[in-house]
Amino acid sequence: MHERILAIDYGRVRHGLAVSDGLGMASHPLAALQRKNPAQDLRHLSRVIDDRDIRRIVLGLPLNMDGSEGPMSKEVRKFGDLLGAELSLPVDYEDERLSTDEAESLLMDRGLRPSERRRLRDSLAAAVILQTLLDREG
């Protein structure tokens, strides 16, 4: 049994969420977290972590195409520091460049309407981020 991981595709409006399976081989998207305020968001994430016995968090790190970090990367790292401190879990970061594009492409290939794609995109991007990590570590 592998440690269960929660992946978060950080967003200012909603966070995409995905979890790893018990074997550490596959990622599964969850319903996205529609952001309200930091305290409520943290409570929601805490429930997800408790319900699924999560032992580690990975946050998608939005790097510039040249690999450098910009203002959004700093915002994500600040959020990661908060999560790690409040939830007492290790937080790692995974390059998320092109994860949203890959998620959008997968959704378009399934013939979904734009409104359906918008609803699923963030959590599918989190699943792509997590799968990248699982494949590299596996």
Protein backbone atom coordinates (compact mmCIF):
# COMPACT_ATOMS: atom_id res chain seq x y z
CA MET A 1 0.00 0.00 0.00
CA HIS A 2 1.36 3.42 -0.98
CA GLU A 3 0.77 6.70 0.76
CA ARG A 4 -2.28 8.45 -0.62
CA ILE A 5 -1.59 11.83 -2.23
CA LEU A 6 -3.90 14.79 -2.78
CA ALA A 7 -3.07 16.94 -5.80
CA ILE A 8 -4.31 20.50 -6.00
CA ASP A 9 -4.43 22.60 -9.14
CA TYR A 10 -4.47 25.99 -7.39
CA GLY A 11 -6.82 28.61 -8.71
CA ARG A 12 -8.17 31.92 -7.51
CA VAL A 13 -11.78 30.90 -8.23
CA ARG A 14 -11.59 27.14 -7.62
CA HIS A 15 -9.04 24.45 -6.82
CA GLY A 16 -8.94 21.32 -8.93
CA LEU A 17 -8.50 18.21 -6.77
CA ALA A 18 -7.31 14.68 -7.48
CA VAL A 19 -6.21 11.74 -5.34
CA SER A 20 -3.94 8.79 -5.93
CA ASP A 21 -5.11 5.23 -5.62
CA GLY A 22 -3.86 2.93 -2.87
CA LEU A 23 -1.27 1.40 -5.18
CA GLY A 24 0.31 4.72 -6.10
CA MET A 25 -0.26 4.03 -9.78
CA ALA A 26 -3.24 6.12 -10.86
CA SER A 27 -4.75 9.51 -10.17
CA HIS A 28 -8.48 10.15 -9.90
CA PRO A 29 -10.10 13.58 -10.19
CA LEU A 30 -12.48 14.75 -7.45
CA ALA A 31 -15.06 17.51 -7.59
CA ALA A 32 -13.33 20.89 -7.73
CA LEU A 33 -13.40 23.08 -4.64
CA GLN A 34 -15.25 26.32 -5.38
CA ARG A 35 -13.33 28.81 -3.25
CA LYS A 36 -15.17 30.83 -0.62
CA ASN A 37 -12.72 32.09 1.99
CA PRO A 38 -9.44 30.70 3.36
CA ALA A 39 -10.98 29.24 6.54
CA GLN A 40 -13.79 27.42 4.70
CA ASP A 41 -11.43 26.24 1.96
CA LEU A 42 -9.07 24.83 4.58
CA ARG A 43 -11.94 23.02 6.35
CA HIS A 44 -13.02 21.47 3.05
CA LEU A 45 -9.49 20.30 2.25
CA SER A 46 -9.09 18.95 5.78
CA ARG A 47 -12.24 16.84 5.35
CA VAL A 48 -10.99 15.48 2.02
CA ILE A 49 -7.66 14.61 3.65
CA ASP A 50 -9.30 12.89 6.63
CA ASP A 51 -11.90 11.04 4.54
CA ARG A 52 -9.30 9.65 2.14
CA ASP A 53 -6.42 9.10 4.57
CA ILE A 54 -4.15 11.47 2.63
CA ARG A 55 -0.49 11.49 3.74
CA ARG A 56 0.99 14.01 1.29
CA ILE A 57 -0.07 16.99 -0.82
CA VAL A 58 1.27 18.00 -4.21
CA LEU A 59 0.52 21.43 -5.60
CA GLY A 60 0.79 22.28 -9.27
CA LEU A 61 3.46 24.96 -9.61
CA PRO A 62 2.71 27.39 -12.45
CA LEU A 63 6.12 28.02 -13.96
CA ASN A 64 6.79 30.32 -16.87
CA MET A 65 7.60 28.56 -20.14
CA ASP A 66 11.33 29.25 -19.52
CA GLY A 67 11.07 27.42 -16.16
CA SER A 68 11.28 30.53 -14.00
CA GLU A 69 8.83 31.35 -11.23
CA GLY A 70 6.51 34.33 -11.47
CA PRO A 71 4.00 35.97 -9.13
CA MET A 72 1.51 33.10 -9.36
CA SER A 73 4.22 30.60 -8.35
CA LYS A 74 4.89 32.67 -5.26
CA GLU A 75 1.17 32.69 -4.44
CA VAL A 76 1.04 28.90 -4.79
CA ARG A 77 4.12 28.45 -2.56
CA LYS A 78 2.55 30.71 0.09
CA PHE A 79 -0.60 28.58 -0.05
CA GLY A 80 1.52 25.43 0.22
CA ASP A 81 3.29 26.80 3.31
CA LEU A 82 -0.11 27.48 4.88
CA LEU A 83 -1.41 24.00 4.03
CA GLY A 84 1.69 22.28 5.38
CA ALA A 85 1.54 24.20 8.64
CA GLU A 86 -2.23 23.92 9.18
CA LEU A 87 -2.64 20.30 8.09
CA SER A 88 0.73 18.93 9.30
CA LEU A 89 1.41 17.19 5.98
CA PRO A 90 4.36 17.34 3.61
CA VAL A 91 3.71 19.55 0.59
CA ASP A 92 5.54 19.04 -2.68
CA TYR A 93 5.34 20.98 -5.93
CA GLU A 94 5.03 19.66 -9.46
CA ASP A 95 5.55 21.62 -12.66
CA GLU A 96 2.08 22.20 -14.05
CA ARG A 97 3.00 23.78 -17.34
CA LEU A 98 0.58 22.56 -19.98
CA SER A 99 -1.49 20.45 -17.54
CA THR A 100 -4.59 22.57 -18.18
CA ASP A 101 -4.00 22.33 -21.94
CA GLU A 102 -3.69 18.55 -21.67
CA ALA A 103 -6.88 18.37 -19.58
CA GLU A 104 -8.74 20.56 -22.08
CA SER A 105 -7.57 18.38 -24.95
CA LEU A 106 -8.73 15.20 -23.18
CA LEU A 107 -12.14 16.76 -22.54
CA MET A 108 -12.49 17.99 -26.13
CA ASP A 109 -11.61 14.49 -27.40
CA ARG A 110 -14.63 13.24 -25.46
CA GLY A 111 -16.86 15.71 -27.27
CA LEU A 112 -17.94 17.64 -24.19
CA ARG A 113 -19.60 21.03 -24.50
CA PRO A 114 -17.62 24.09 -23.29
CA SER A 115 -19.73 24.37 -20.12
CA GLU A 116 -19.05 20.72 -19.25
CA ARG A 117 -15.32 21.14 -19.98
CA ARG A 118 -15.14 24.22 -17.75
CA ARG A 119 -16.73 22.27 -14.87
CA LEU A 120 -14.26 19.37 -15.16
CA ARG A 121 -11.06 21.06 -16.38
CA ASP A 122 -9.48 22.04 -13.03
CA SER A 123 -9.78 18.63 -11.39
CA LEU A 124 -8.65 16.84 -14.54
CA ALA A 125 -5.62 19.17 -14.59
CA ALA A 126 -4.94 18.14 -10.95
CA ALA A 127 -5.15 14.49 -12.05
CA VAL A 128 -2.65 15.17 -14.86
CA ILE A 129 -0.28 16.85 -12.37
CA LEU A 130 -0.58 13.93 -9.96
CA GLN A 131 -0.17 11.29 -12.68
CA THR A 132 3.05 12.99 -13.80
CA LEU A 133 4.38 12.72 -10.25
CA LEU A 134 3.24 9.09 -9.85
CA ASP A 135 4.82 8.07 -13.15
CA ARG A 136 8.13 9.71 -12.24
CA GLU A 137 8.24 8.25 -8.73
CA GLY A 138 6.89 4.81 -9.72
